[in-house]
Amino acid sequence: MRPNPYNAEKRRRELDKKKKKEEKKLKKALGKETGGFDEENETVEESPEKNDAAD
């Protein structure tokens, strides 16, 4: 008997959801450590000096 492809897809979606949740948790923890986490954009802000040096 072959496995149902729907069940495999459902399992994959559940794992993706779980993975995204873990990544969000890690990003939030990283931001708390560095103090530069912007929750709206979900990015770590860089100081303006670094941006000027790159230009």
PDB file of N, CA and C in Angstrom:
ATOM      1  N   MET A   1       0.833  -1.185   0.000  1.00  0.00           N
ATOM      2  CA  MET A   1       0.000   0.000   0.000  1.00  0.00           C
ATOM      3  C   MET A   1       0.879   1.251   0.000  1.00  0.00           C
ATOM      4  N   ARG A   2       0.606   2.168  -0.928  1.00  0.00           N
ATOM      5  CA  ARG A   2       1.393   3.396  -1.047  1.00  0.00           C
ATOM      6  C   ARG A   2       0.962   4.431  -0.008  1.00  0.00           C
ATOM      7  N   PRO A   3       1.926   5.232   0.460  1.00  0.00           N
ATOM      8  CA  PRO A   3       1.557   6.297   1.400  1.00  0.00           C
ATOM      9  C   PRO A   3       0.746   7.387   0.699  1.00  0.00           C
ATOM     10  N   ASN A   4      -0.157   7.962   1.417  1.00  0.00           N
ATOM     11  CA  ASN A   4      -1.013   9.001   0.868  1.00  0.00           C
ATOM     12  C   ASN A   4      -0.206  10.297   0.688  1.00  0.00           C
ATOM     13  N   PRO A   5      -0.124  10.834  -0.531  1.00  0.00           N
ATOM     14  CA  PRO A   5       0.649  12.069  -0.757  1.00  0.00           C
ATOM     15  C   PRO A   5       0.099  13.264   0.023  1.00  0.00           C
ATOM     16  N   TYR A   6      -1.199  13.266   0.288  1.00  0.00           N
ATOM     17  CA  TYR A   6      -1.789  14.366   1.057  1.00  0.00           C
ATOM     18  C   TYR A   6      -1.197  14.402   2.467  1.00  0.00           C
ATOM     19  N   ASN A   7      -1.037  13.215   3.081  1.00  0.00           N
ATOM     20  CA  ASN A   7      -0.471  13.153   4.427  1.00  0.00           C
ATOM     21  C   ASN A   7       0.970  13.651   4.444  1.00  0.00           C
ATOM     22  N   ALA A   8       1.726  13.326   3.414  1.00  0.00           N
ATOM     23  CA  ALA A   8       3.111  13.778   3.323  1.00  0.00           C
ATOM     24  C   ALA A   8       3.158  15.307   3.202  1.00  0.00           C
ATOM     25  N   GLU A   9       2.276  15.856   2.397  1.00  0.00           N
ATOM     26  CA  GLU A   9       2.215  17.315   2.218  1.00  0.00           C
ATOM     27  C   GLU A   9       1.803  17.996   3.524  1.00  0.00           C
ATOM     28  N   LYS A  10       0.835  17.416   4.206  1.00  0.00           N
ATOM     29  CA  LYS A  10       0.363  17.963   5.480  1.00  0.00           C
ATOM     30  C   LYS A  10       1.505  17.972   6.497  1.00  0.00           C
ATOM     31  N   ARG A  11       2.233  16.874   6.561  1.00  0.00           N
ATOM     32  CA  ARG A  11       3.370  16.759   7.486  1.00  0.00           C
ATOM     33  C   ARG A  11       4.428  17.805   7.153  1.00  0.00           C
ATOM     34  N   ARG A  12       4.710  17.997   5.854  1.00  0.00           N
ATOM     35  CA  ARG A  12       5.710  18.969   5.412  1.00  0.00           C
ATOM     36  C   ARG A  12       5.296  20.384   5.834  1.00  0.00           C
ATOM     37  N   ARG A  13       3.999  20.706   5.671  1.00  0.00           N
ATOM     38  CA  ARG A  13       3.499  22.031   6.060  1.00  0.00           C
ATOM     39  C   ARG A  13       3.642  22.245   7.562  1.00  0.00           C
ATOM     40  N   GLU A  14       3.346  21.205   8.348  1.00  0.00           N
ATOM     41  CA  GLU A  14       3.479  21.305   9.801  1.00  0.00           C
ATOM     42  C   GLU A  14       4.931  21.559  10.202  1.00  0.00           C
ATOM     43  N   LEU A  15       5.852  20.857   9.550  1.00  0.00           N
ATOM     44  CA  LEU A  15       7.273  21.032   9.861  1.00  0.00           C
ATOM     45  C   LEU A  15       7.752  22.430   9.474  1.00  0.00           C
ATOM     46  N   ASP A  16       7.287  22.938   8.317  1.00  0.00           N
ATOM     47  CA  ASP A  16       7.652  24.286   7.877  1.00  0.00           C
ATOM     48  C   ASP A  16       7.163  25.323   8.878  1.00  0.00           C
ATOM     49  N   LYS A  17       5.938  25.146   9.345  1.00  0.00           N
ATOM     50  CA  LYS A  17       5.348  26.071  10.318  1.00  0.00           C
ATOM     51  C   LYS A  17       6.164  26.065  11.615  1.00  0.00           C
ATOM     52  N   LYS A  18       6.538  24.848  12.039  1.00  0.00           N
ATOM     53  CA  LYS A  18       7.316  24.696  13.263  1.00  0.00           C
ATOM     54  C   LYS A  18       8.688  25.361  13.107  1.00  0.00           C
ATOM     55  N   LYS A  19       9.300  25.179  11.942  1.00  0.00           N
ATOM     56  CA  LYS A  19      10.621  25.739  11.666  1.00  0.00           C
ATOM     57  C   LYS A  19      10.573  27.270  11.673  1.00  0.00           C
ATOM     58  N   LYS A  20       9.538  27.850  11.049  1.00  0.00           N
ATOM     59  CA  LYS A  20       9.387  29.304  11.019  1.00  0.00           C
ATOM     60  C   LYS A  20       9.222  29.859  12.424  1.00  0.00           C
ATOM     61  N   LYS A  21       8.456  29.152  13.235  1.00  0.00           N
ATOM     62  CA  LYS A  21       8.216  29.586  14.612  1.00  0.00           C
ATOM     63  C   LYS A  21       9.530  29.603  15.389  1.00  0.00           C
ATOM     64  N   GLU A  22      10.347  28.552  15.210  1.00  0.00           N
ATOM     65  CA  GLU A  22      11.637  28.464  15.889  1.00  0.00           C
ATOM     66  C   GLU A  22      12.563  29.596  15.435  1.00  0.00           C
ATOM     67  N   GLU A  23      12.591  29.877  14.110  1.00  0.00           N
ATOM     68  CA  GLU A  23      13.439  30.940  13.575  1.00  0.00           C
ATOM     69  C   GLU A  23      13.034  32.294  14.154  1.00  0.00           C
ATOM     70  N   LYS A  24      11.736  32.534  14.247  1.00  0.00           N
ATOM     71  CA  LYS A  24      11.250  33.796  14.791  1.00  0.00           C
ATOM     72  C   LYS A  24      11.684  33.942  16.252  1.00  0.00           C
ATOM     73  N   LYS A  25      11.606  32.823  16.998  1.00  0.00           N
ATOM     74  CA  LYS A  25      12.002  32.828  18.400  1.00  0.00           C
ATOM     75  C   LYS A  25      13.497  33.139  18.522  1.00  0.00           C
ATOM     76  N   LEU A  26      14.311  32.538  17.638  1.00  0.00           N
ATOM     77  CA  LEU A  26      15.751  32.759  17.675  1.00  0.00           C
ATOM     78  C   LEU A  26      16.091  34.201  17.319  1.00  0.00           C
ATOM     79  N   LYS A  27      15.406  34.750  16.299  1.00  0.00           N
ATOM     80  CA  LYS A  27      15.643  36.140  15.904  1.00  0.00           C
ATOM     81  C   LYS A  27      15.322  37.081  17.052  1.00  0.00           C
ATOM     82  N   LYS A  28      14.225  36.810  17.741  1.00  0.00           N
ATOM     83  CA  LYS A  28      13.805  37.651  18.853  1.00  0.00           C
ATOM     84  C   LYS A  28      14.846  37.588  19.970  1.00  0.00           C
ATOM     85  N   ALA A  29      15.346  36.389  20.263  1.00  0.00           N
ATOM     86  CA  ALA A  29      16.357  36.217  21.302  1.00  0.00           C
ATOM     87  C   ALA A  29      17.648  36.932  20.912  1.00  0.00           C
ATOM     88  N   LEU A  30      18.031  36.842  19.666  1.00  0.00           N
ATOM     89  CA  LEU A  30      19.241  37.501  19.185  1.00  0.00           C
ATOM     90  C   LEU A  30      19.100  39.012  19.317  1.00  0.00           C
ATOM     91  N   GLY A  31      17.954  39.530  18.982  1.00  0.00           N
ATOM     92  CA  GLY A  31      17.702  40.961  19.086  1.00  0.00           C
ATOM     93  C   GLY A  31      17.763  41.452  20.515  1.00  0.00           C
ATOM     94  N   LYS A  32      17.272  40.658  21.446  1.00  0.00           N
ATOM     95  CA  LYS A  32      17.321  41.044  22.856  1.00  0.00           C
ATOM     96  C   LYS A  32      18.765  41.115  23.337  1.00  0.00           C
ATOM     97  N   GLU A  33      19.604  40.207  22.843  1.00  0.00           N
ATOM     98  CA  GLU A  33      21.018  40.196  23.239  1.00  0.00           C
ATOM     99  C   GLU A  33      21.738  41.418  22.684  1.00  0.00           C
ATOM    100  N   THR A  34      21.498  41.743  21.408  1.00  0.00           N
ATOM    101  CA  THR A  34      22.207  42.846  20.764  1.00  0.00           C
ATOM    102  C   THR A  34      21.514  44.176  20.987  1.00  0.00           C
ATOM    103  N   GLY A  35      20.224  44.148  21.286  1.00  0.00           N
ATOM    104  CA  GLY A  35      19.481  45.372  21.540  1.00  0.00           C
ATOM    105  C   GLY A  35      19.063  46.108  20.286  1.00  0.00           C
ATOM    106  N   GLY A  36      19.267  45.523  19.102  1.00  0.00           N
ATOM    107  CA  GLY A  36      18.952  46.214  17.864  1.00  0.00           C
ATOM    108  C   GLY A  36      17.878  45.536  17.045  1.00  0.00           C
ATOM    109  N   PHE A  37      17.024  44.775  17.665  1.00  0.00           N
ATOM    110  CA  PHE A  37      16.002  44.046  16.910  1.00  0.00           C
ATOM    111  C   PHE A  37      14.779  44.915  16.697  1.00  0.00           C
ATOM    112  N   ASP A  38      14.348  45.011  15.439  1.00  0.00           N
ATOM    113  CA  ASP A  38      13.152  45.767  15.096  1.00  0.00           C
ATOM    114  C   ASP A  38      12.075  44.758  14.742  1.00  0.00           C
ATOM    115  N   GLU A  39      11.087  44.580  15.608  1.00  0.00           N
ATOM    116  CA  GLU A  39      10.091  43.523  15.425  1.00  0.00           C
ATOM    117  C   GLU A  39       9.230  43.744  14.191  1.00  0.00           C
ATOM    118  N   GLU A  40       8.967  45.004  13.830  1.00  0.00           N
ATOM    119  CA  GLU A  40       8.142  45.268  12.652  1.00  0.00           C
ATOM    120  C   GLU A  40       8.794  44.726  11.384  1.00  0.00           C
ATOM    121  N   ASN A  41      10.069  45.026  11.192  1.00  0.00           N
ATOM    122  CA  ASN A  41      10.769  44.612   9.978  1.00  0.00           C
ATOM    123  C   ASN A  41      11.436  43.260  10.121  1.00  0.00           C
ATOM    124  N   GLU A  42      11.497  42.759  11.345  1.00  0.00           N
ATOM    125  CA  GLU A  42      12.147  41.480  11.653  1.00  0.00           C
ATOM    126  C   GLU A  42      13.589  41.458  11.163  1.00  0.00           C
ATOM    127  N   THR A  43      14.296  42.567  11.356  1.00  0.00           N
ATOM    128  CA  THR A  43      15.700  42.629  10.986  1.00  0.00           C
ATOM    129  C   THR A  43      16.490  43.236  12.130  1.00  0.00           C
ATOM    130  N   VAL A  44      17.766  42.944  12.148  1.00  0.00           N
ATOM    131  CA  VAL A  44      18.638  43.558  13.132  1.00  0.00           C
ATOM    132  C   VAL A  44      19.155  44.853  12.522  1.00  0.00           C
ATOM    133  N   GLU A  45      18.926  45.946  13.226  1.00  0.00           N
ATOM    134  CA  GLU A  45      19.334  47.250  12.702  1.00  0.00           C
ATOM    135  C   GLU A  45      20.843  47.410  12.821  1.00  0.00           C
ATOM    136  N   GLU A  46      21.433  48.056  11.809  1.00  0.00           N
ATOM    137  CA  GLU A  46      22.857  48.347  11.843  1.00  0.00           C
ATOM    138  C   GLU A  46      23.044  49.821  12.153  1.00  0.00           C
ATOM    139  N   SER A  47      24.197  50.144  12.702  1.00  0.00           N
ATOM    140  CA  SER A  47      24.459  51.540  13.028  1.00  0.00           C
ATOM    141  C   SER A  47      24.720  52.316  11.734  1.00  0.00           C
ATOM    142  N   PRO A  48      24.400  53.608  11.693  1.00  0.00           N
ATOM    143  CA  PRO A  48      24.592  54.411  10.479  1.00  0.00           C
ATOM    144  C   PRO A  48      26.053  54.490  10.035  1.00  0.00           C
ATOM    145  N   GLU A  49      26.988  54.388  10.980  1.00  0.00           N
ATOM    146  CA  GLU A  49      28.408  54.449  10.616  1.00  0.00           C
ATOM    147  C   GLU A  49      28.781  53.297   9.676  1.00  0.00           C
ATOM    148  N   LYS A  50      28.263  52.130   9.955  1.00  0.00           N
ATOM    149  CA  LYS A  50      28.553  50.969   9.101  1.00  0.00           C
ATOM    150  C   LYS A  50      27.988  51.185   7.698  1.00  0.00           C
ATOM    151  N   ASN A  51      26.798  51.754   7.600  1.00  0.00           N
ATOM    152  CA  ASN A  51      26.175  52.004   6.300  1.00  0.00           C
ATOM    153  C   ASN A  51      26.956  53.036   5.496  1.00  0.00           C
ATOM    154  N   ASP A  52      27.467  54.082   6.150  1.00  0.00           N
ATOM    155  CA  ASP A  52      28.250  55.103   5.463  1.00  0.00           C
ATOM    156  C   ASP A  52      29.568  54.532   4.956  1.00  0.00           C
ATOM    157  N   ALA A  53      30.172  53.650   5.726  1.00  0.00           N
ATOM    158  CA  ALA A  53      31.438  53.044   5.332  1.00  0.00           C
ATOM    159  C   ALA A  53      31.255  52.150   4.104  1.00  0.00           C
ATOM    160  N   ALA A  54      30.096  51.516   3.981  1.00  0.00           N
ATOM    161  CA  ALA A  54      29.834  50.625   2.840  1.00  0.00           C
ATOM    162  C   ALA A  54      29.648  51.411   1.543  1.00  0.00           C
ATOM    163  N   ASP A  55      29.153  52.649   1.640  1.00  0.00           N
ATOM    164  CA  ASP A  55      28.925  53.461   0.437  1.00  0.00           C
ATOM    165  C   ASP A  55      30.171  54.013  -0.078  1.00  0.00           C
TER     166      ASP A  55
END
